[in-house]
C-alpha cells in the first residue's frame, strides 16, 4: 500500500517538473517573439515616417500615397491626387480610408497584429490631417 502512494507522489512530482519545463520553454520563446514584434514595429514606424514626412496636415497628399504604407492585402484602392482637388472627393477618400483602417473593422476581419499597428498609426495621422483640413477648408 505504501509503495502505491510513493509511486503516485513520484508521478505527481514528475508531472510538476514536466509542466515547469514546458513553462520555461514558453518563457524562452516569448523574448524571441517579442524581438520579432519589436523589429516589425520599428520597420513599420520607419516606413510610416517616410510616408508622412513633409505631408503633415496635407490630407490630399496622404490619401493619394496611402497605398505605399499599407500592406498588400489591405484592400485599399489608390486615389490619384488630381481626383482630390475638390473638397467632396477628399471627404469620400478620407471616409474610405477610415473604413479600411479603423481598429474595430480590423478586429472584425481578424487582421494580424502588425497590420493593426500600421493601421492605428496611419489612422491617427489621417485624423490629424483631416482636422487640419476642416480647420482650413470647412465643408
N, C-alpha and C. Protein backbone atom coordinates (compact mmCIF):
# COMPACT_ATOMS: atom_id res chain seq x y z
N UNK A 1 0.81 -1.18 0.00
CA UNK A 1 0.00 0.00 0.00
C UNK A 1 0.85 1.25 0.00
N UNK A 2 1.88 1.25 0.82
CA UNK A 2 2.76 2.41 0.89
C UNK A 2 3.48 2.60 -0.43
N UNK A 3 3.86 1.52 -1.06
CA UNK A 3 4.57 1.64 -2.33
C UNK A 3 3.69 2.30 -3.40
N UNK A 4 2.38 2.06 -3.36
CA UNK A 4 1.47 2.70 -4.30
C UNK A 4 1.42 4.21 -4.07
N UNK A 5 1.39 4.62 -2.81
CA UNK A 5 1.37 6.05 -2.51
C UNK A 5 2.66 6.72 -2.96
N UNK A 6 3.76 6.03 -2.74
CA UNK A 6 5.05 6.61 -3.15
C UNK A 6 5.11 6.75 -4.66
N UNK A 7 4.59 5.75 -5.37
CA UNK A 7 4.61 5.83 -6.83
C UNK A 7 3.74 6.98 -7.32
N UNK A 8 2.57 7.16 -6.69
CA UNK A 8 1.69 8.26 -7.08
C UNK A 8 2.35 9.60 -6.83
N UNK A 9 3.02 9.73 -5.68
CA UNK A 9 3.65 11.00 -5.36
C UNK A 9 4.80 11.29 -6.33
N UNK A 10 5.52 10.26 -6.73
CA UNK A 10 6.60 10.45 -7.70
C UNK A 10 6.04 10.89 -9.05
N UNK A 11 4.90 10.31 -9.45
CA UNK A 11 4.27 10.71 -10.70
C UNK A 11 3.81 12.17 -10.64
N UNK A 12 3.28 12.57 -9.49
CA UNK A 12 2.83 13.94 -9.32
C UNK A 12 3.99 14.91 -9.45
N UNK A 13 5.10 14.56 -8.78
CA UNK A 13 6.28 15.43 -8.87
C UNK A 13 6.84 15.45 -10.29
N UNK A 14 6.79 14.29 -10.95
CA UNK A 14 7.29 14.25 -12.32
C UNK A 14 6.41 15.12 -13.21
N UNK A 15 5.09 15.05 -13.02
CA UNK A 15 4.19 15.92 -13.78
C UNK A 15 4.50 17.38 -13.52
N UNK A 16 4.77 17.72 -12.27
CA UNK A 16 5.09 19.10 -11.92
C UNK A 16 6.34 19.57 -12.66
N UNK A 17 7.37 18.73 -12.67
CA UNK A 17 8.62 19.10 -13.35
C UNK A 17 8.42 19.21 -14.85
N UNK A 18 7.60 18.34 -15.43
CA UNK A 18 7.32 18.44 -16.86
C UNK A 18 6.59 19.74 -17.17
N UNK A 19 5.64 20.12 -16.32
CA UNK A 19 4.93 21.38 -16.53
C UNK A 19 5.88 22.56 -16.38
N UNK A 20 6.78 22.48 -15.41
CA UNK A 20 7.74 23.57 -15.21
C UNK A 20 8.64 23.70 -16.43
N UNK A 21 9.09 22.57 -16.97
CA UNK A 21 9.94 22.62 -18.17
C UNK A 21 9.18 23.23 -19.34
N UNK A 22 7.91 22.87 -19.50
CA UNK A 22 7.08 23.44 -20.55
C UNK A 22 6.94 24.94 -20.35
N UNK A 23 6.70 25.35 -19.11
CA UNK A 23 6.58 26.78 -18.79
C UNK A 23 7.88 27.51 -19.10
N UNK A 24 9.01 26.90 -18.76
CA UNK A 24 10.31 27.51 -19.06
C UNK A 24 10.53 27.65 -20.56
N UNK A 25 10.11 26.63 -21.33
CA UNK A 25 10.23 26.70 -22.79
C UNK A 25 9.39 27.84 -23.34
N UNK A 26 8.19 28.01 -22.81
CA UNK A 26 7.33 29.11 -23.28
C UNK A 26 7.94 30.46 -22.96
N UNK A 27 8.54 30.57 -21.78
CA UNK A 27 9.17 31.84 -21.41
C UNK A 27 10.36 32.12 -22.30
N UNK A 28 11.08 31.10 -22.70
CA UNK A 28 12.23 31.31 -23.57
C UNK A 28 11.79 31.70 -24.97
N UNK A 29 10.65 31.22 -25.43
CA UNK A 29 10.16 31.56 -26.77
C UNK A 29 9.63 32.98 -26.82
N UNK A 30 9.11 33.47 -25.74
CA UNK A 30 8.50 34.78 -25.73
C UNK A 30 9.46 35.91 -26.06
N UNK A 31 10.67 35.97 -25.50
CA UNK A 31 11.57 37.07 -25.87
C UNK A 31 11.90 37.10 -27.36
N UNK A 32 12.01 35.95 -27.99
CA UNK A 32 12.28 35.89 -29.42
C UNK A 32 11.11 36.48 -30.20
N UNK A 33 9.91 36.09 -29.79
CA UNK A 33 8.72 36.64 -30.44
C UNK A 33 8.61 38.13 -30.18
N UNK A 34 8.95 38.55 -28.96
CA UNK A 34 8.94 39.98 -28.65
C UNK A 34 9.93 40.73 -29.51
N UNK A 35 11.10 40.15 -29.73
CA UNK A 35 12.11 40.78 -30.57
C UNK A 35 11.61 40.91 -32.00
N UNK A 36 10.98 39.86 -32.50
CA UNK A 36 10.44 39.91 -33.86
C UNK A 36 9.36 40.97 -33.96
N UNK A 37 8.47 41.02 -32.99
CA UNK A 37 7.41 42.02 -32.99
C UNK A 37 7.99 43.43 -32.90
N UNK A 38 9.00 43.60 -32.07
CA UNK A 38 9.65 44.90 -31.94
C UNK A 38 10.30 45.31 -33.26
N UNK A 39 10.95 44.38 -33.92
CA UNK A 39 11.58 44.68 -35.21
C UNK A 39 10.54 45.04 -36.26
N UNK A 40 9.41 44.33 -36.26
CA UNK A 40 8.34 44.65 -37.21
C UNK A 40 7.79 46.05 -36.96
N UNK A 41 7.62 46.39 -35.70
CA UNK A 41 7.09 47.72 -35.37
C UNK A 41 8.09 48.82 -35.71
N UNK A 42 9.37 48.56 -35.49
CA UNK A 42 10.38 49.56 -35.85
C UNK A 42 10.41 49.78 -37.36
N UNK A 43 10.31 48.69 -38.12
CA UNK A 43 10.28 48.80 -39.58
C UNK A 43 9.03 49.54 -40.03
N UNK A 44 7.90 49.24 -39.40
CA UNK A 44 6.65 49.91 -39.75
C UNK A 44 6.73 51.40 -39.40
N UNK A 45 7.29 51.72 -38.25
CA UNK A 45 7.44 53.13 -37.86
C UNK A 45 8.29 53.90 -38.87
N UNK A 46 9.39 53.28 -39.31
CA UNK A 46 10.26 53.93 -40.28
C UNK A 46 9.53 54.16 -41.60
N UNK A 47 8.76 53.17 -42.02
CA UNK A 47 8.00 53.28 -43.27
C UNK A 47 6.94 54.37 -43.15
N UNK A 48 6.28 54.43 -42.03
CA UNK A 48 5.23 55.44 -41.81
C UNK A 48 5.85 56.84 -41.76
N UNK A 49 7.00 56.96 -41.11
CA UNK A 49 7.68 58.27 -41.05
C UNK A 49 8.07 58.74 -42.45
N UNK A 50 8.61 57.83 -43.26
CA UNK A 50 8.98 58.19 -44.64
C UNK A 50 7.75 58.61 -45.43
N UNK A 51 6.65 57.90 -45.24
CA UNK A 51 5.41 58.19 -45.96
C UNK A 51 4.85 59.56 -45.58
N UNK A 52 4.86 59.87 -44.30
CA UNK A 52 4.21 61.10 -43.84
C UNK A 52 5.14 62.31 -43.82
N UNK A 53 6.43 62.11 -44.03
CA UNK A 53 7.39 63.22 -43.96
C UNK A 53 7.06 64.28 -45.00
N UNK A 54 6.90 65.51 -44.53
CA UNK A 54 6.61 66.62 -45.42
C UNK A 54 5.15 66.74 -45.80
N UNK A 55 4.33 65.79 -45.37
CA UNK A 55 2.90 65.81 -45.73
C UNK A 55 2.01 66.03 -44.52
N UNK A 56 2.61 66.36 -43.38
CA UNK A 56 1.83 66.53 -42.17
C UNK A 56 0.73 67.56 -42.40
N UNK A 57 -0.49 67.18 -42.12
CA UNK A 57 -1.61 68.09 -42.27
C UNK A 57 -2.15 68.18 -43.69
N UNK A 58 -1.51 67.52 -44.64
CA UNK A 58 -1.96 67.58 -46.04
C UNK A 58 -2.72 66.30 -46.37
N UNK A 59 -4.01 66.33 -46.13
CA UNK A 59 -4.83 65.13 -46.30
C UNK A 59 -4.82 64.64 -47.74
N UNK A 60 -4.75 65.56 -48.69
CA UNK A 60 -4.75 65.16 -50.10
C UNK A 60 -3.52 64.32 -50.45
N UNK A 61 -2.36 64.79 -50.05
CA UNK A 61 -1.12 64.03 -50.34
C UNK A 61 -1.09 62.71 -49.59
N UNK A 62 -1.56 62.72 -48.35
CA UNK A 62 -1.56 61.48 -47.56
C UNK A 62 -2.48 60.44 -48.19
N UNK A 63 -3.67 60.86 -48.61
CA UNK A 63 -4.61 59.91 -49.21
C UNK A 63 -4.10 59.40 -50.56
N UNK A 64 -3.47 60.27 -51.33
CA UNK A 64 -3.01 59.86 -52.66
C UNK A 64 -1.79 58.94 -52.61
N UNK A 65 -1.13 58.86 -51.48
CA UNK A 65 0.04 57.98 -51.35
C UNK A 65 -0.17 56.88 -50.31
N UNK A 66 -1.38 56.71 -49.85
CA UNK A 66 -1.67 55.75 -48.79
C UNK A 66 -1.28 54.32 -49.16
N UNK A 67 -1.38 53.98 -50.43
CA UNK A 67 -1.06 52.62 -50.87
C UNK A 67 0.40 52.25 -50.62
N UNK A 68 1.28 53.24 -50.45
CA UNK A 68 2.69 52.95 -50.24
C UNK A 68 3.01 52.55 -48.80
N UNK A 69 2.11 52.83 -47.89
CA UNK A 69 2.37 52.50 -46.49
C UNK A 69 1.55 51.30 -46.02
N UNK A 70 0.49 50.97 -46.73
CA UNK A 70 -0.37 49.85 -46.33
C UNK A 70 0.16 48.53 -46.89
N UNK A 71 -0.24 47.44 -46.30
CA UNK A 71 0.15 46.11 -46.73
C UNK A 71 -0.65 45.73 -47.98
N UNK A 72 -0.19 44.73 -48.68
CA UNK A 72 -0.75 44.39 -49.99
C UNK A 72 -2.20 43.91 -49.92
N UNK A 73 -2.60 43.23 -48.88
CA UNK A 73 -3.97 42.72 -48.78
C UNK A 73 -4.93 43.64 -48.05
N UNK A 74 -4.60 44.90 -47.93
CA UNK A 74 -5.43 45.83 -47.15
C UNK A 74 -6.74 46.15 -47.85
N UNK A 75 -6.77 46.02 -49.17
CA UNK A 75 -7.98 46.33 -49.91
C UNK A 75 -8.09 47.80 -50.30
N UNK A 76 -7.06 48.57 -50.02
CA UNK A 76 -7.09 50.00 -50.36
C UNK A 76 -6.90 50.19 -51.86
N UNK A 77 -7.80 50.98 -52.45
CA UNK A 77 -7.70 51.33 -53.86
C UNK A 77 -7.06 52.71 -53.96
N UNK A 78 -5.93 52.84 -54.65
CA UNK A 78 -5.25 54.14 -54.74
C UNK A 78 -6.15 55.22 -55.33
N UNK A 79 -5.95 56.43 -54.84
CA UNK A 79 -6.68 57.60 -55.34
C UNK A 79 -5.64 58.56 -55.91
N UNK A 80 -5.86 58.99 -57.14
CA UNK A 80 -4.93 59.94 -57.76
C UNK A 80 -5.09 61.31 -57.12
N UNK A 81 -4.00 62.03 -57.02
CA UNK A 81 -4.01 63.37 -56.43
C UNK A 81 -4.94 64.30 -57.19
N UNK A 82 -5.01 64.15 -58.51
CA UNK A 82 -5.88 65.03 -59.31
C UNK A 82 -7.36 64.79 -59.00
N UNK A 83 -7.68 63.62 -58.46
CA UNK A 83 -9.07 63.33 -58.08
C UNK A 83 -9.43 63.92 -56.72
N UNK A 84 -8.46 64.49 -56.03
CA UNK A 84 -8.69 65.03 -54.69
C UNK A 84 -8.61 66.56 -54.67
N UNK A 85 -8.83 67.18 -55.81
CA UNK A 85 -8.73 68.64 -55.88
C UNK A 85 -9.91 69.29 -55.15
N UNK A 86 -11.10 68.77 -55.37
CA UNK A 86 -12.29 69.34 -54.73
C UNK A 86 -12.48 68.73 -53.34
N UNK A 87 -13.29 69.42 -52.54
CA UNK A 87 -13.45 69.02 -51.14
C UNK A 87 -14.24 67.73 -50.96
N UNK A 88 -15.30 67.53 -51.75
CA UNK A 88 -16.13 66.33 -51.56
C UNK A 88 -15.37 65.03 -51.85
N UNK A 89 -14.57 64.96 -52.92
CA UNK A 89 -13.78 63.73 -53.10
C UNK A 89 -12.77 63.49 -51.97
N UNK A 90 -12.27 64.56 -51.37
CA UNK A 90 -11.36 64.40 -50.23
C UNK A 90 -12.12 63.75 -49.08
N UNK A 91 -13.32 64.23 -48.84
CA UNK A 91 -14.14 63.67 -47.75
C UNK A 91 -14.44 62.19 -48.01
N UNK A 92 -14.82 61.86 -49.25
CA UNK A 92 -15.10 60.46 -49.59
C UNK A 92 -13.85 59.59 -49.44
N UNK A 93 -12.72 60.09 -49.89
CA UNK A 93 -11.47 59.34 -49.76
C UNK A 93 -11.09 59.11 -48.31
N UNK A 94 -11.28 60.14 -47.50
CA UNK A 94 -10.99 60.02 -46.07
C UNK A 94 -11.90 58.98 -45.42
N UNK A 95 -13.18 59.02 -45.77
CA UNK A 95 -14.12 58.05 -45.21
C UNK A 95 -13.80 56.62 -45.64
N UNK A 96 -13.38 56.46 -46.89
CA UNK A 96 -12.98 55.12 -47.36
C UNK A 96 -11.75 54.63 -46.60
N UNK A 97 -10.81 55.54 -46.36
CA UNK A 97 -9.61 55.17 -45.61
C UNK A 97 -9.98 54.75 -44.19
N UNK A 98 -10.90 55.48 -43.58
CA UNK A 98 -11.32 55.12 -42.22
C UNK A 98 -11.96 53.74 -42.19
N UNK A 99 -12.74 53.43 -43.21
CA UNK A 99 -13.37 52.10 -43.26
C UNK A 99 -12.33 50.99 -43.36
N UNK A 100 -11.23 51.25 -44.03
CA UNK A 100 -10.17 50.25 -44.17
C UNK A 100 -9.28 50.17 -42.94
N UNK A 101 -9.11 51.28 -42.24
CA UNK A 101 -8.10 51.35 -41.18
C UNK A 101 -8.65 51.37 -39.76
N UNK A 102 -9.94 51.52 -39.61
CA UNK A 102 -10.49 51.64 -38.26
C UNK A 102 -10.18 50.38 -37.45
N UNK A 103 -9.68 50.56 -36.23
CA UNK A 103 -9.29 49.39 -35.40
C UNK A 103 -10.41 48.37 -35.20
N UNK A 104 -11.64 48.82 -35.05
CA UNK A 104 -12.75 47.88 -34.86
C UNK A 104 -12.99 47.04 -36.11
N UNK A 105 -12.87 47.66 -37.26
CA UNK A 105 -13.06 46.93 -38.52
C UNK A 105 -11.96 45.87 -38.70
N UNK A 106 -10.74 46.25 -38.37
CA UNK A 106 -9.64 45.29 -38.50
C UNK A 106 -9.79 44.14 -37.51
N UNK A 107 -10.30 44.44 -36.33
CA UNK A 107 -10.53 43.40 -35.32
C UNK A 107 -11.56 42.41 -35.84
N UNK A 108 -12.62 42.91 -36.48
CA UNK A 108 -13.66 42.05 -37.03
C UNK A 108 -13.11 41.15 -38.14
N UNK A 109 -12.19 41.68 -38.92
CA UNK A 109 -11.62 40.92 -40.03
C UNK A 109 -10.52 39.97 -39.58
N UNK A 110 -10.10 40.08 -38.33
CA UNK A 110 -9.04 39.21 -37.82
C UNK A 110 -7.67 39.53 -38.39
N UNK A 111 -7.37 40.80 -38.52
CA UNK A 111 -6.09 41.23 -39.09
C UNK A 111 -4.93 40.86 -38.17
N UNK A 112 -3.77 40.71 -38.75
CA UNK A 112 -2.55 40.40 -37.99
C UNK A 112 -2.18 41.59 -37.12
N UNK A 113 -1.46 41.33 -36.05
CA UNK A 113 -1.13 42.39 -35.09
C UNK A 113 -0.28 43.49 -35.72
N UNK A 114 0.66 43.13 -36.60
CA UNK A 114 1.48 44.19 -37.20
C UNK A 114 0.66 45.02 -38.19
N UNK A 115 -0.36 44.44 -38.81
CA UNK A 115 -1.25 45.22 -39.67
C UNK A 115 -2.10 46.17 -38.84
N UNK A 116 -2.55 45.70 -37.69
CA UNK A 116 -3.31 46.57 -36.79
C UNK A 116 -2.46 47.73 -36.32
N UNK A 117 -1.19 47.46 -36.05
CA UNK A 117 -0.28 48.52 -35.59
C UNK A 117 -0.10 49.58 -36.67
N UNK A 118 0.15 49.15 -37.90
CA UNK A 118 0.30 50.09 -39.01
C UNK A 118 -0.98 50.89 -39.19
N UNK A 119 -2.11 50.20 -39.18
CA UNK A 119 -3.39 50.87 -39.39
C UNK A 119 -3.65 51.91 -38.31
N UNK A 120 -3.33 51.60 -37.07
CA UNK A 120 -3.56 52.54 -35.98
C UNK A 120 -2.71 53.79 -36.14
N UNK A 121 -1.44 53.61 -36.50
CA UNK A 121 -0.56 54.76 -36.69
C UNK A 121 -1.03 55.63 -37.85
N UNK A 122 -1.37 55.00 -38.97
CA UNK A 122 -1.83 55.73 -40.15
C UNK A 122 -3.17 56.40 -39.86
N UNK A 123 -4.03 55.70 -39.16
CA UNK A 123 -5.34 56.23 -38.78
C UNK A 123 -5.18 57.54 -38.01
N UNK A 124 -4.26 57.56 -37.05
CA UNK A 124 -4.02 58.77 -36.25
C UNK A 124 -3.50 59.91 -37.11
N UNK A 125 -2.58 59.61 -38.01
CA UNK A 125 -2.02 60.65 -38.89
C UNK A 125 -3.11 61.22 -39.79
N UNK A 126 -3.95 60.34 -40.34
CA UNK A 126 -5.04 60.82 -41.20
C UNK A 126 -6.05 61.65 -40.42
N UNK A 127 -6.34 61.27 -39.19
CA UNK A 127 -7.27 62.06 -38.38
C UNK A 127 -6.73 63.46 -38.12
N UNK A 128 -5.45 63.56 -37.82
CA UNK A 128 -4.85 64.88 -37.60
C UNK A 128 -4.91 65.72 -38.87
N UNK A 129 -4.61 65.09 -40.01
CA UNK A 129 -4.66 65.81 -41.29
C UNK A 129 -6.10 66.22 -41.61
N UNK A 130 -7.06 65.37 -41.28
CA UNK A 130 -8.46 65.69 -41.52
C UNK A 130 -8.89 66.89 -40.66
N UNK A 131 -8.47 66.90 -39.42
CA UNK A 131 -8.79 68.04 -38.54
C UNK A 131 -8.19 69.32 -39.10
N UNK A 132 -6.96 69.25 -39.58
CA UNK A 132 -6.31 70.42 -40.18
C UNK A 132 -7.07 70.86 -41.43
N UNK A 133 -7.48 69.91 -42.24
CA UNK A 133 -8.24 70.19 -43.47
C UNK A 133 -9.55 70.88 -43.13
N UNK A 134 -10.24 70.39 -42.12
CA UNK A 134 -11.53 71.00 -41.73
C UNK A 134 -11.35 72.40 -41.15
N UNK A 135 -10.24 72.64 -40.49
CA UNK A 135 -10.00 73.98 -39.93
C UNK A 135 -9.65 74.99 -41.02
N UNK A 136 -9.01 74.53 -42.09
CA UNK A 136 -8.63 75.45 -43.16
C UNK A 136 -9.66 75.52 -44.28
N UNK A 137 -10.36 74.42 -44.51
CA UNK A 137 -11.37 74.36 -45.58
C UNK A 137 -12.64 73.72 -45.04
N UNK A 138 -13.42 74.44 -44.24
CA UNK A 138 -14.63 73.81 -43.69
C UNK A 138 -15.60 73.42 -44.80
N UNK A 139 -16.10 72.21 -44.68
CA UNK A 139 -17.04 71.70 -45.70
C UNK A 139 -18.45 72.11 -45.34
